[in-house]
């Protein structure tokens, strides 16, 4: 803020200095120069703000298109004057149309080209080129961080699209007054920066937004449909909404569940009973991947490693639960059945 105020003040002083050249240093001249300099500085700051809100691709494309339009205008004007060698009102009207029209069309088409280079897609869905390798990261999966590990292993590659509204949400979380939310937001920004530095991953920040769509998850789905991209998430609700609308989803949680070791009923495993379960006498243990194991009649074994026999496995959308019995109890029952 101080930098901008200083710039406006310097602009005002420069304007006043320019107005003093060849003029008497009267009050009206000084005030006029000061005011015009300040207004000019303010307009430059407005232009700076607009440029910061616009992506580099659009700026570069628009500038290139404008330059080409001006060059074409000069060529048309020169060729027309040489061939026709007339100075008529109609000729000047035509020249004015070229002078205004070609630079404007060049600016618009150049900006469109720059926008398409960012997203890799046409602005209109019916002309979109679906590469199948574009993926959109949602806020939850960026904060989660496991997507960065998958990228490092090479299981995920290609182009990751990160919309500006996702960045704004991350920044809002990182600026939260709640310390836990603030830590999560900063972690998300760090993870995104880490992915951006990976060689095999192309992270593109895109400006596409949908003001008529308020919910961030809905915006992600609309953007994915527009550019033909897949959505990477670990949000179950977003997963369902996207699939209902025909958008391919890569769910990190589903991948982790698929990679967990298969445990079948009747197998014996050794676990550490960590705490008491919900039902009377139950103990609870966990596998290395976080899978919960419920052990019948293991309350007395809390704090010890025990051998358990798998009785059943319950798979849910939230994860997997394994129900077991103590091996010693199973062996006693088998012995009694064999004797009797």
C-alpha atoms as a PDB file:
ATOM      1  CA  UNK A   1       0.000   0.000   0.000  1.00  0.00           C
ATOM      2  CA  UNK A   2       2.813   2.425   0.908  1.00  0.00           C
ATOM      3  CA  UNK A   3       4.521   1.646  -2.404  1.00  0.00           C
ATOM      4  CA  UNK A   4       1.408   2.631  -4.355  1.00  0.00           C
ATOM      5  CA  UNK A   5       0.910   5.871  -2.403  1.00  0.00           C
ATOM      6  CA  UNK A   6       4.554   6.791  -3.012  1.00  0.00           C
ATOM      7  CA  UNK A   7       4.147   6.039  -6.733  1.00  0.00           C
ATOM      8  CA  UNK A   8       1.062   8.296  -7.031  1.00  0.00           C
ATOM      9  CA  UNK A   9       2.883  11.074  -5.166  1.00  0.00           C
ATOM     10  CA  UNK A  10       5.920  10.799  -7.464  1.00  0.00           C
ATOM     11  CA  UNK A  11       3.620  10.811 -10.495  1.00  0.00           C
ATOM     12  CA  UNK A  12       1.948  13.976  -9.226  1.00  0.00           C
ATOM     13  CA  UNK A  13       5.315  15.690  -8.706  1.00  0.00           C
ATOM     14  CA  UNK A  14       6.463  14.583 -12.176  1.00  0.00           C
ATOM     15  CA  UNK A  15       3.275  16.014 -13.698  1.00  0.00           C
ATOM     16  CA  UNK A  16       3.809  19.286 -11.887  1.00  0.00           C
ATOM     17  CA  UNK A  17       7.418  19.431 -13.121  1.00  0.00           C
ATOM     18  CA  UNK A  18       6.379  18.828 -16.733  1.00  0.00           C
ATOM     19  CA  UNK A  19       3.750  21.578 -16.547  1.00  0.00           C
ATOM     20  CA  UNK A  20       6.337  24.045 -15.260  1.00  0.00           C
ATOM     21  CA  UNK A  21       8.392  23.803 -18.460  1.00  0.00           C
ATOM     22  CA  UNK A  22       7.943  27.018 -20.396  1.00  0.00           C
ATOM     23  CA  UNK A  23       5.243  28.237 -18.020  1.00  0.00           C
ATOM     24  CA  UNK A  24       5.194  30.706 -15.218  1.00  0.00           C
ATOM     25  CA  UNK A  25       5.106  28.924 -11.810  1.00  0.00           C
ATOM     26  CA  UNK A  26       1.578  30.091 -10.962  1.00  0.00           C
ATOM     27  CA  UNK A  27      -0.814  28.308  -8.596  1.00  0.00           C
ATOM     28  CA  UNK A  28      -3.266  27.105 -11.324  1.00  0.00           C
ATOM     29  CA  UNK A  29      -0.393  25.618 -13.353  1.00  0.00           C
ATOM     30  CA  UNK A  30       1.044  23.846 -10.308  1.00  0.00           C
ATOM     31  CA  UNK A  31      -2.373  22.465  -9.265  1.00  0.00           C
ATOM     32  CA  UNK A  32      -3.195  21.309 -12.796  1.00  0.00           C
ATOM     33  CA  UNK A  33       0.161  19.550 -13.172  1.00  0.00           C
ATOM     34  CA  UNK A  34      -0.120  17.935  -9.755  1.00  0.00           C
ATOM     35  CA  UNK A  35      -3.680  16.698 -10.431  1.00  0.00           C
ATOM     36  CA  UNK A  36      -2.942  15.337 -13.903  1.00  0.00           C
ATOM     37  CA  UNK A  37       0.171  13.551 -12.611  1.00  0.00           C
ATOM     38  CA  UNK A  38      -1.779  12.009  -9.708  1.00  0.00           C
ATOM     39  CA  UNK A  39      -4.612  10.843 -12.018  1.00  0.00           C
ATOM     40  CA  UNK A  40      -2.082   9.349 -14.422  1.00  0.00           C
ATOM     41  CA  UNK A  41      -0.403   7.471 -11.554  1.00  0.00           C
ATOM     42  CA  UNK A  42      -3.797   6.198 -10.396  1.00  0.00           C
ATOM     43  CA  UNK A  43      -4.662   4.932 -13.898  1.00  0.00           C
ATOM     44  CA  UNK A  44      -1.324   3.119 -14.045  1.00  0.00           C
ATOM     45  CA  UNK A  45      -2.099   1.414 -10.713  1.00  0.00           C
ATOM     46  CA  UNK A  46      -5.527   0.379 -12.037  1.00  0.00           C
ATOM     47  CA  UNK A  47      -3.800  -1.103 -15.083  1.00  0.00           C
ATOM     48  CA  UNK A  48      -1.395  -2.941 -12.739  1.00  0.00           C
ATOM     49  CA  UNK A  49      -4.318  -4.436 -10.801  1.00  0.00           C
ATOM     50  CA  UNK A  50      -6.044  -5.592 -14.003  1.00  0.00           C
ATOM     51  CA  UNK A  51      -2.830  -7.163 -15.279  1.00  0.00           C
ATOM     52  CA  UNK A  52      -2.352  -9.065 -12.000  1.00  0.00           C
ATOM     53  CA  UNK A  53      -5.861 -10.502 -12.307  1.00  0.00           C
ATOM     54  CA  UNK A  54      -5.175 -11.680 -15.857  1.00  0.00           C
ATOM     55  CA  UNK A  55      -3.056 -14.710 -16.711  1.00  0.00           C
ATOM     56  CA  UNK A  56       0.255 -14.284 -18.514  1.00  0.00           C
ATOM     57  CA  UNK A  57      -0.969 -16.312 -21.488  1.00  0.00           C
ATOM     58  CA  UNK A  58      -3.868 -13.928 -22.132  1.00  0.00           C
ATOM     59  CA  UNK A  59      -1.614 -10.872 -21.748  1.00  0.00           C
ATOM     60  CA  UNK A  60       1.016 -12.286 -24.112  1.00  0.00           C
ATOM     61  CA  UNK A  61      -1.575 -13.431 -26.643  1.00  0.00           C
ATOM     62  CA  UNK A  62      -3.440 -10.109 -26.544  1.00  0.00           C
ATOM     63  CA  UNK A  63      -0.229  -8.085 -26.919  1.00  0.00           C
ATOM     64  CA  UNK A  64       0.947 -10.211 -29.840  1.00  0.00           C
ATOM     65  CA  UNK A  65      -2.451  -9.992 -31.520  1.00  0.00           C
ATOM     66  CA  UNK A  66      -2.550  -6.212 -31.074  1.00  0.00           C
ATOM     67  CA  UNK A  67       0.931  -5.848 -32.590  1.00  0.00           C
ATOM     68  CA  UNK A  68      -0.024  -7.999 -35.597  1.00  0.00           C
ATOM     69  CA  UNK A  69      -3.216  -5.974 -36.045  1.00  0.00           C
ATOM     70  CA  UNK A  70      -1.280  -2.693 -36.059  1.00  0.00           C
ATOM     71  CA  UNK A  71       1.246  -4.055 -38.561  1.00  0.00           C
ATOM     72  CA  UNK A  72      -1.562  -5.255 -40.870  1.00  0.00           C
ATOM     73  CA  UNK A  73      -3.238  -1.854 -40.552  1.00  0.00           C
ATOM     74  CA  UNK A  74      -0.028  -0.099 -41.630  1.00  0.00           C
ATOM     75  CA  UNK A  75       0.405  -2.475 -44.587  1.00  0.00           C
ATOM     76  CA  UNK A  76      -3.189  -2.009 -45.767  1.00  0.00           C
ATOM     77  CA  UNK A  77      -2.880   1.783 -45.430  1.00  0.00           C
ATOM     78  CA  UNK A  78       0.396   1.827 -47.348  1.00  0.00           C
ATOM     79  CA  UNK A  79      -0.779  -0.515 -50.127  1.00  0.00           C
ATOM     80  CA  UNK A  80      -4.018   1.459 -50.493  1.00  0.00           C
ATOM     81  CA  UNK A  81      -2.238   4.795 -50.797  1.00  0.00           C
ATOM     82  CA  UNK A  82       0.287   3.444 -53.327  1.00  0.00           C
ATOM     83  CA  UNK A  83      -2.228   1.642 -55.546  1.00  0.00           C
ATOM     84  CA  UNK A  84      -5.092   4.094 -55.484  1.00  0.00           C
ATOM     85  CA  UNK A  85      -3.155   7.289 -54.738  1.00  0.00           C
ATOM     86  CA  UNK A  86      -6.336   9.092 -53.750  1.00  0.00           C
ATOM     87  CA  UNK A  87      -7.178  11.306 -50.858  1.00  0.00           C
ATOM     88  CA  UNK A  88     -10.926  10.990 -50.582  1.00  0.00           C
ATOM     89  CA  UNK A  89     -13.246  11.047 -47.609  1.00  0.00           C
ATOM     90  CA  UNK A  90     -14.325   7.452 -48.338  1.00  0.00           C
ATOM     91  CA  UNK A  91     -10.689   6.342 -48.410  1.00  0.00           C
ATOM     92  CA  UNK A  92     -10.077   7.864 -44.999  1.00  0.00           C
ATOM     93  CA  UNK A  93     -13.221   6.213 -43.604  1.00  0.00           C
ATOM     94  CA  UNK A  94     -11.947   2.851 -44.825  1.00  0.00           C
ATOM     95  CA  UNK A  95      -8.540   3.555 -43.324  1.00  0.00           C
ATOM     96  CA  UNK A  96     -10.148   4.410 -40.004  1.00  0.00           C
ATOM     97  CA  UNK A  97     -12.065   1.127 -40.030  1.00  0.00           C
ATOM     98  CA  UNK A  98      -8.833  -0.775 -40.597  1.00  0.00           C
ATOM     99  CA  UNK A  99      -7.030   1.303 -37.948  1.00  0.00           C
ATOM    100  CA  UNK A 100      -9.657   0.471 -35.334  1.00  0.00           C
ATOM    101  CA  UNK A 101     -10.805  -2.936 -36.518  1.00  0.00           C
ATOM    102  CA  UNK A 102      -7.614  -4.884 -37.165  1.00  0.00           C
ATOM    103  CA  UNK A 103      -5.885  -4.033 -33.837  1.00  0.00           C
ATOM    104  CA  UNK A 104      -9.091  -4.777 -31.936  1.00  0.00           C
ATOM    105  CA  UNK A 105      -9.646  -8.127 -33.673  1.00  0.00           C
ATOM    106  CA  UNK A 106      -5.973  -8.971 -33.168  1.00  0.00           C
ATOM    107  CA  UNK A 107      -6.260  -8.195 -29.448  1.00  0.00           C
ATOM    108  CA  UNK A 108      -9.398 -10.354 -29.032  1.00  0.00           C
ATOM    109  CA  UNK A 109      -8.107 -13.315 -31.063  1.00  0.00           C
ATOM    110  CA  UNK A 110      -4.673 -13.126 -29.407  1.00  0.00           C
ATOM    111  CA  UNK A 111      -6.254 -13.181 -25.928  1.00  0.00           C
ATOM    112  CA  UNK A 112      -8.407 -16.161 -26.963  1.00  0.00           C
ATOM    113  CA  UNK A 113      -5.315 -17.972 -28.216  1.00  0.00           C
ATOM    114  CA  UNK A 114      -3.512 -17.249 -24.940  1.00  0.00           C
ATOM    115  CA  UNK A 115      -6.461 -18.558 -22.895  1.00  0.00           C
ATOM    116  CA  UNK A 116      -6.620 -21.769 -24.902  1.00  0.00           C
ATOM    117  CA  UNK A 117      -2.882 -22.308 -24.469  1.00  0.00           C
ATOM    118  CA  UNK A 118      -3.374 -22.206 -20.687  1.00  0.00           C
ATOM    119  CA  UNK A 119      -6.211 -24.705 -20.488  1.00  0.00           C
ATOM    120  CA  UNK A 120      -5.230 -26.697 -23.571  1.00  0.00           C
ATOM    121  CA  UNK A 121      -8.887 -26.535 -24.563  1.00  0.00           C
ATOM    122  CA  UNK A 122     -11.211 -24.422 -26.677  1.00  0.00           C
ATOM    123  CA  UNK A 123     -13.428 -21.996 -24.793  1.00  0.00           C
ATOM    124  CA  UNK A 124     -16.505 -23.692 -26.217  1.00  0.00           C
ATOM    125  CA  UNK A 125     -17.168 -27.275 -25.044  1.00  0.00           C
ATOM    126  CA  UNK A 126     -18.331 -28.428 -28.453  1.00  0.00           C
ATOM    127  CA  UNK A 127     -14.871 -27.617 -29.861  1.00  0.00           C
ATOM    128  CA  UNK A 128     -12.941 -28.975 -26.883  1.00  0.00           C
ATOM    129  CA  UNK A 129     -10.121 -31.422 -27.503  1.00  0.00           C
ATOM    130  CA  UNK A 130     -10.324 -34.062 -24.808  1.00  0.00           C
ATOM    131  CA  UNK A 131      -6.839 -35.337 -24.103  1.00  0.00           C
ATOM    132  CA  UNK A 132      -7.815 -37.699 -21.301  1.00  0.00           C
ATOM    133  CA  UNK A 133      -4.685 -36.704 -19.413  1.00  0.00           C
ATOM    134  CA  UNK A 134      -5.908 -33.515 -17.745  1.00  0.00           C
ATOM    135  CA  UNK A 135      -6.782 -33.753 -14.068  1.00  0.00           C
ATOM    136  CA  UNK A 136      -8.352 -31.227 -11.692  1.00  0.00           C
ATOM    137  CA  UNK A 137      -7.189 -31.185  -8.062  1.00  0.00           C
ATOM    138  CA  UNK A 138      -9.802 -30.289  -5.458  1.00  0.00           C
ATOM    139  CA  UNK A 139      -9.044 -28.596  -2.133  1.00  0.00           C
ATOM    140  CA  UNK A 140      -9.377 -31.697   0.056  1.00  0.00           C
ATOM    141  CA  UNK A 141      -6.931 -33.815  -1.933  1.00  0.00           C
ATOM    142  CA  UNK A 142      -4.344 -31.002  -2.035  1.00  0.00           C
ATOM    143  CA  UNK A 143      -4.493 -30.606   1.764  1.00  0.00           C
ATOM    144  CA  UNK A 144      -4.439 -34.401   2.238  1.00  0.00           C
ATOM    145  CA  UNK A 145      -1.009 -34.555   0.581  1.00  0.00           C
ATOM    146  CA  UNK A 146      -0.980 -38.187  -0.544  1.00  0.00           C
ATOM    147  CA  UNK A 147      -1.402 -37.069  -4.159  1.00  0.00           C
ATOM    148  CA  UNK A 148       2.162 -35.685  -4.028  1.00  0.00           C
ATOM    149  CA  UNK A 149       3.470 -39.119  -2.985  1.00  0.00           C
ATOM    150  CA  UNK A 150       1.597 -40.740  -5.882  1.00  0.00           C
ATOM    151  CA  UNK A 151       3.134 -38.229  -8.285  1.00  0.00           C
ATOM    152  CA  UNK A 152       6.622 -39.014  -6.982  1.00  0.00           C
ATOM    153  CA  UNK A 153       6.092 -42.748  -7.572  1.00  0.00           C
ATOM    154  CA  UNK A 154       5.003 -42.075 -11.161  1.00  0.00           C
ATOM    155  CA  UNK A 155       1.468 -43.448 -10.795  1.00  0.00           C
ATOM    156  CA  UNK A 156       0.067 -39.999 -11.604  1.00  0.00           C
ATOM    157  CA  UNK A 157       1.357 -37.889 -14.463  1.00  0.00           C
ATOM    158  CA  UNK A 158       0.200 -35.417 -17.064  1.00  0.00           C
ATOM    159  CA  UNK A 159      -1.338 -31.993 -16.643  1.00  0.00           C
ATOM    160  CA  UNK A 160      -2.913 -30.885 -13.358  1.00  0.00           C
ATOM    161  CA  UNK A 161      -5.388 -28.003 -13.617  1.00  0.00           C
ATOM    162  CA  UNK A 162      -5.790 -25.858 -10.506  1.00  0.00           C
ATOM    163  CA  UNK A 163      -8.559 -23.226 -10.845  1.00  0.00           C
ATOM    164  CA  UNK A 164      -8.141 -19.823  -9.232  1.00  0.00           C
ATOM    165  CA  UNK A 165     -11.189 -20.473  -7.022  1.00  0.00           C
ATOM    166  CA  UNK A 166      -9.366 -23.465  -5.475  1.00  0.00           C
ATOM    167  CA  UNK A 167      -6.335 -21.267  -4.763  1.00  0.00           C
ATOM    168  CA  UNK A 168      -8.603 -18.639  -3.189  1.00  0.00           C
ATOM    169  CA  UNK A 169     -10.183 -21.312  -0.962  1.00  0.00           C
ATOM    170  CA  UNK A 170      -6.751 -22.571   0.118  1.00  0.00           C
ATOM    171  CA  UNK A 171      -5.630 -19.027   0.866  1.00  0.00           C
ATOM    172  CA  UNK A 172      -8.805 -18.380   2.839  1.00  0.00           C
ATOM    173  CA  UNK A 173      -8.173 -21.511   4.929  1.00  0.00           C
ATOM    174  CA  UNK A 174      -4.503 -20.550   5.416  1.00  0.00           C
ATOM    175  CA  UNK A 175      -5.587 -17.098   6.680  1.00  0.00           C
ATOM    176  CA  UNK A 176      -8.141 -18.538   9.120  1.00  0.00           C
ATOM    177  CA  UNK A 177      -8.073 -17.468  12.761  1.00  0.00           C
ATOM    178  CA  UNK A 178      -8.388 -21.144  13.758  1.00  0.00           C
ATOM    179  CA  UNK A 179      -4.886 -22.596  14.193  1.00  0.00           C
ATOM    180  CA  UNK A 180      -5.868 -26.077  12.887  1.00  0.00           C
ATOM    181  CA  UNK A 181      -7.473 -24.675   9.734  1.00  0.00           C
ATOM    182  CA  UNK A 182      -4.540 -22.330   9.228  1.00  0.00           C
ATOM    183  CA  UNK A 183      -2.090 -25.242   9.424  1.00  0.00           C
ATOM    184  CA  UNK A 184      -4.192 -27.270   6.947  1.00  0.00           C
ATOM    185  CA  UNK A 185      -4.316 -24.367   4.492  1.00  0.00           C
ATOM    186  CA  UNK A 186      -0.573 -23.786   4.642  1.00  0.00           C
ATOM    187  CA  UNK A 187       0.051 -27.506   4.220  1.00  0.00           C
ATOM    188  CA  UNK A 188      -2.122 -27.450   1.087  1.00  0.00           C
ATOM    189  CA  UNK A 189      -0.141 -24.562  -0.393  1.00  0.00           C
ATOM    190  CA  UNK A 190       3.137 -26.364   0.412  1.00  0.00           C
ATOM    191  CA  UNK A 191       1.895 -29.588  -1.221  1.00  0.00           C
ATOM    192  CA  UNK A 192       0.831 -27.689  -4.343  1.00  0.00           C
ATOM    193  CA  UNK A 193       4.231 -26.009  -4.521  1.00  0.00           C
ATOM    194  CA  UNK A 194       5.906 -29.414  -4.151  1.00  0.00           C
ATOM    195  CA  UNK A 195       3.875 -30.898  -7.025  1.00  0.00           C
ATOM    196  CA  UNK A 196       4.600 -27.854  -9.176  1.00  0.00           C
ATOM    197  CA  UNK A 197       8.347 -28.537  -8.924  1.00  0.00           C
ATOM    198  CA  UNK A 198       8.067 -32.154 -10.120  1.00  0.00           C
ATOM    199  CA  UNK A 199       9.498 -32.868 -13.557  1.00  0.00           C
ATOM    200  CA  UNK A 200       6.759 -35.177 -14.885  1.00  0.00           C
ATOM    201  CA  UNK A 201       3.864 -32.997 -13.683  1.00  0.00           C
ATOM    202  CA  UNK A 202       2.634 -29.887 -15.462  1.00  0.00           C
ATOM    203  CA  UNK A 203       0.619 -27.728 -13.041  1.00  0.00           C
ATOM    204  CA  UNK A 204      -1.463 -25.029 -14.728  1.00  0.00           C
ATOM    205  CA  UNK A 205      -3.284 -22.310 -12.803  1.00  0.00           C
ATOM    206  CA  UNK A 206      -6.380 -21.428 -14.830  1.00  0.00           C
ATOM    207  CA  UNK A 207      -8.736 -18.467 -14.540  1.00  0.00           C
ATOM    208  CA  UNK A 208     -11.965 -20.236 -15.525  1.00  0.00           C
ATOM    209  CA  UNK A 209     -14.690 -19.379 -13.043  1.00  0.00           C
ATOM    210  CA  UNK A 210     -18.452 -19.731 -12.950  1.00  0.00           C
ATOM    211  CA  UNK A 211     -20.010 -16.805 -11.046  1.00  0.00           C
ATOM    212  CA  UNK A 212     -23.495 -18.312 -11.320  1.00  0.00           C
ATOM    213  CA  UNK A 213     -22.307 -21.450  -9.462  1.00  0.00           C
ATOM    214  CA  UNK A 214     -21.741 -20.740  -5.771  1.00  0.00           C
ATOM    215  CA  UNK A 215     -20.537 -24.111  -4.447  1.00  0.00           C
ATOM    216  CA  UNK A 216     -16.845 -24.911  -5.069  1.00  0.00           C
ATOM    217  CA  UNK A 217     -17.537 -28.625  -5.643  1.00  0.00           C
ATOM    218  CA  UNK A 218     -20.140 -27.760  -8.280  1.00  0.00           C
ATOM    219  CA  UNK A 219     -17.658 -25.421  -9.970  1.00  0.00           C
ATOM    220  CA  UNK A 220     -15.131 -28.268 -10.148  1.00  0.00           C
ATOM    221  CA  UNK A 221     -17.684 -30.552 -11.805  1.00  0.00           C
ATOM    222  CA  UNK A 222     -18.714 -27.871 -14.323  1.00  0.00           C
ATOM    223  CA  UNK A 223     -15.057 -27.147 -15.165  1.00  0.00           C
ATOM    224  CA  UNK A 224     -14.278 -30.865 -15.557  1.00  0.00           C
ATOM    225  CA  UNK A 225     -17.175 -31.270 -17.996  1.00  0.00           C
ATOM    226  CA  UNK A 226     -16.096 -28.163 -19.907  1.00  0.00           C
ATOM    227  CA  UNK A 227     -12.477 -29.203 -20.486  1.00  0.00           C
ATOM    228  CA  UNK A 228     -12.961 -32.988 -20.438  1.00  0.00           C
ATOM    229  CA  UNK A 229     -10.767 -33.563 -17.379  1.00  0.00           C
ATOM    230  CA  UNK A 230     -10.808 -36.081 -14.547  1.00  0.00           C
ATOM    231  CA  UNK A 231     -11.219 -34.977 -10.925  1.00  0.00           C
ATOM    232  CA  UNK A 232      -8.766 -36.109  -8.243  1.00  0.00           C
ATOM    233  CA  UNK A 233     -10.375 -36.022  -4.795  1.00  0.00           C
ATOM    234  CA  UNK A 234     -10.887 -37.855  -1.525  1.00  0.00           C
ATOM    235  CA  UNK A 235     -14.257 -36.189  -0.874  1.00  0.00           C
ATOM    236  CA  UNK A 236     -17.010 -38.820  -0.990  1.00  0.00           C
ATOM    237  CA  UNK A 237     -19.783 -36.306  -1.730  1.00  0.00           C
ATOM    238  CA  UNK A 238     -17.882 -34.716  -4.619  1.00  0.00           C
ATOM    239  CA  UNK A 239     -17.134 -38.217  -5.885  1.00  0.00           C
ATOM    240  CA  UNK A 240     -20.856 -39.081  -6.045  1.00  0.00           C
ATOM    241  CA  UNK A 241     -21.941 -35.752  -7.581  1.00  0.00           C
ATOM    242  CA  UNK A 242     -19.251 -35.939 -10.273  1.00  0.00           C
ATOM    243  CA  UNK A 243     -20.071 -39.536 -11.219  1.00  0.00           C
ATOM    244  CA  UNK A 244     -23.785 -38.689 -11.467  1.00  0.00           C
ATOM    245  CA  UNK A 245     -22.887 -36.017 -14.026  1.00  0.00           C
ATOM    246  CA  UNK A 246     -20.631 -38.294 -16.044  1.00  0.00           C
ATOM    247  CA  UNK A 247     -17.278 -36.944 -14.825  1.00  0.00           C
ATOM    248  CA  UNK A 248     -14.457 -39.437 -14.243  1.00  0.00           C
ATOM    249  CA  UNK A 249     -13.158 -39.381 -10.666  1.00  0.00           C
ATOM    250  CA  UNK A 250      -9.863 -40.611  -9.214  1.00  0.00           C
ATOM    251  CA  UNK A 251     -10.547 -41.105  -5.499  1.00  0.00           C
ATOM    252  CA  UNK A 252      -7.384 -41.380  -3.381  1.00  0.00           C
ATOM    253  CA  UNK A 253      -9.264 -43.161  -0.580  1.00  0.00           C
ATOM    254  CA  UNK A 254     -10.568 -45.815  -2.977  1.00  0.00           C
ATOM    255  CA  UNK A 255      -7.044 -46.352  -4.272  1.00  0.00           C
ATOM    256  CA  UNK A 256      -5.706 -46.820  -0.737  1.00  0.00           C
ATOM    257  CA  UNK A 257      -8.498 -49.277   0.059  1.00  0.00           C
ATOM    258  CA  UNK A 258      -7.694 -51.258  -3.077  1.00  0.00           C
ATOM    259  CA  UNK A 259      -4.017 -51.479  -2.116  1.00  0.00           C
ATOM    260  CA  UNK A 260      -4.629 -52.766   1.397  1.00  0.00           C
ATOM    261  CA  UNK A 261      -3.550 -56.380   1.992  1.00  0.00           C
ATOM    262  CA  UNK A 262      -6.284 -58.961   1.525  1.00  0.00           C
ATOM    263  CA  UNK A 263      -7.331 -60.700   4.745  1.00  0.00           C
ATOM    264  CA  UNK A 264      -9.614 -63.733   4.497  1.00  0.00           C
ATOM    265  CA  UNK A 265     -11.805 -65.355   7.187  1.00  0.00           C
ATOM    266  CA  UNK A 266      -9.892 -68.104   8.982  1.00  0.00           C
ATOM    267  CA  UNK A 267      -6.480 -66.430   8.676  1.00  0.00           C
ATOM    268  CA  UNK A 268      -4.406 -65.773  11.774  1.00  0.00           C
ATOM    269  CA  UNK A 269      -2.751 -62.397  12.289  1.00  0.00           C
ATOM    270  CA  UNK A 270      -0.839 -60.867  15.183  1.00  0.00           C
ATOM    271  CA  UNK A 271      -2.041 -57.484  16.441  1.00  0.00           C
ATOM    272  CA  UNK A 272      -1.508 -55.072  19.313  1.00  0.00           C
ATOM    273  CA  UNK A 273      -4.735 -54.465  21.269  1.00  0.00           C
ATOM    274  CA  UNK A 274      -4.781 -50.720  21.750  1.00  0.00           C
ATOM    275  CA  UNK A 275      -8.057 -49.877  23.467  1.00  0.00           C
ATOM    276  CA  UNK A 276     -11.484 -51.067  24.523  1.00  0.00           C
ATOM    277  CA  UNK A 277     -14.205 -51.495  21.885  1.00  0.00           C
ATOM    278  CA  UNK A 278     -17.791 -50.245  21.858  1.00  0.00           C
ATOM    279  CA  UNK A 279     -19.332 -53.577  22.842  1.00  0.00           C
ATOM    280  CA  UNK A 280     -18.728 -55.190  26.199  1.00  0.00           C
ATOM    281  CA  UNK A 281     -15.424 -57.075  26.402  1.00  0.00           C
ATOM    282  CA  UNK A 282     -14.230 -56.017  22.938  1.00  0.00           C
ATOM    283  CA  UNK A 283     -10.713 -54.847  22.163  1.00  0.00           C
ATOM    284  CA  UNK A 284      -9.629 -52.703  19.214  1.00  0.00           C
ATOM    285  CA  UNK A 285      -6.387 -52.972  17.226  1.00  0.00           C
ATOM    286  CA  UNK A 286      -5.135 -51.466  13.963  1.00  0.00           C
ATOM    287  CA  UNK A 287      -3.103 -52.689  11.016  1.00  0.00           C
ATOM    288  CA  UNK A 288      -0.175 -50.641   9.737  1.00  0.00           C
ATOM    289  CA  UNK A 289      -2.394 -49.105   7.025  1.00  0.00           C
ATOM    290  CA  UNK A 290      -4.941 -47.925   9.614  1.00  0.00           C
ATOM    291  CA  UNK A 291      -7.529 -50.683   9.167  1.00  0.00           C
ATOM    292  CA  UNK A 292      -9.534 -51.186  12.369  1.00  0.00           C
ATOM    293  CA  UNK A 293      -9.590 -54.679  13.875  1.00  0.00           C
ATOM    294  CA  UNK A 294     -12.293 -55.577  16.398  1.00  0.00           C
ATOM    295  CA  UNK A 295     -11.306 -58.454  18.700  1.00  0.00           C
ATOM    296  CA  UNK A 296     -13.999 -60.255  20.734  1.00  0.00           C
ATOM    297  CA  UNK A 297     -13.329 -60.758  24.444  1.00  0.00           C
ATOM    298  CA  UNK A 298      -9.969 -58.956  24.246  1.00  0.00           C
ATOM    299  CA  UNK A 299     -10.531 -56.232  26.842  1.00  0.00           C
ATOM    300  CA  UNK A 300      -8.227 -58.114  29.208  1.00  0.00           C
ATOM    301  CA  UNK A 301      -5.506 -58.092  26.506  1.00  0.00           C
ATOM    302  CA  UNK A 302      -5.257 -54.291  26.132  1.00  0.00           C
ATOM    303  CA  UNK A 303      -1.592 -53.271  25.850  1.00  0.00           C
ATOM    304  CA  UNK A 304      -0.435 -56.695  24.610  1.00  0.00           C
ATOM    305  CA  UNK A 305       0.306 -58.399  21.284  1.00  0.00           C
ATOM    306  CA  UNK A 306      -2.012 -61.310  20.628  1.00  0.00           C
ATOM    307  CA  UNK A 307      -2.771 -63.765  17.822  1.00  0.00           C
ATOM    308  CA  UNK A 308      -6.300 -63.444  16.447  1.00  0.00           C
ATOM    309  CA  UNK A 309      -8.338 -65.366  13.887  1.00  0.00           C
ATOM    310  CA  UNK A 310     -10.324 -63.435  11.279  1.00  0.00           C
ATOM    311  CA  UNK A 311     -14.047 -64.177  11.389  1.00  0.00           C
ATOM    312  CA  UNK A 312     -15.379 -61.614   8.879  1.00  0.00           C
ATOM    313  CA  UNK A 313     -14.390 -58.536   6.872  1.00  0.00           C
ATOM    314  CA  UNK A 314     -16.730 -55.561   6.408  1.00  0.00           C
ATOM    315  CA  UNK A 315     -16.012 -53.227   3.475  1.00  0.00           C
ATOM    316  CA  UNK A 316     -17.673 -49.793   3.578  1.00  0.00           C
ATOM    317  CA  UNK A 317     -17.270 -46.570   1.588  1.00  0.00           C
ATOM    318  CA  UNK A 318     -15.409 -45.097   4.565  1.00  0.00           C
ATOM    319  CA  UNK A 319     -12.957 -47.990   4.779  1.00  0.00           C
ATOM    320  CA  UNK A 320     -12.651 -51.565   5.981  1.00  0.00           C
ATOM    321  CA  UNK A 321     -13.244 -53.249   9.337  1.00  0.00           C
ATOM    322  CA  UNK A 322     -11.967 -56.697  10.320  1.00  0.00           C
ATOM    323  CA  UNK A 323     -13.733 -58.740  13.016  1.00  0.00           C
ATOM    324  CA  UNK A 324     -11.669 -61.360  14.836  1.00  0.00           C
ATOM    325  CA  UNK A 325     -11.535 -63.686  17.827  1.00  0.00           C
ATOM    326  CA  UNK A 326      -8.631 -64.575  20.071  1.00  0.00           C
ATOM    327  CA  UNK A 327      -6.760 -67.531  18.652  1.00  0.00           C
ATOM    328  CA  UNK A 328      -6.621 -69.275  22.016  1.00  0.00           C
ATOM    329  CA  UNK A 329     -10.425 -69.220  22.299  1.00  0.00           C
ATOM    330  CA  UNK A 330     -10.797 -70.552  18.765  1.00  0.00           C
ATOM    331  CA  UNK A 331      -8.370 -73.380  19.492  1.00  0.00           C
ATOM    332  CA  UNK A 332     -10.248 -74.276  22.698  1.00  0.00           C
ATOM    333  CA  UNK A 333     -13.530 -74.534  20.797  1.00  0.00           C
ATOM    334  CA  UNK A 334     -11.916 -76.665  18.077  1.00  0.00           C
ATOM    335  CA  UNK A 335     -10.403 -78.944  20.733  1.00  0.00           C
ATOM    336  CA  UNK A 336     -13.755 -79.356  22.476  1.00  0.00           C
ATOM    337  CA  UNK A 337     -15.489 -80.149  19.176  1.00  0.00           C
ATOM    338  CA  UNK A 338     -12.795 -82.717  18.342  1.00  0.00           C
ATOM    339  CA  UNK A 339     -13.183 -84.423  21.733  1.00  0.00           C
ATOM    340  CA  UNK A 340     -16.859 -84.404  21.836  1.00  0.00           C
END
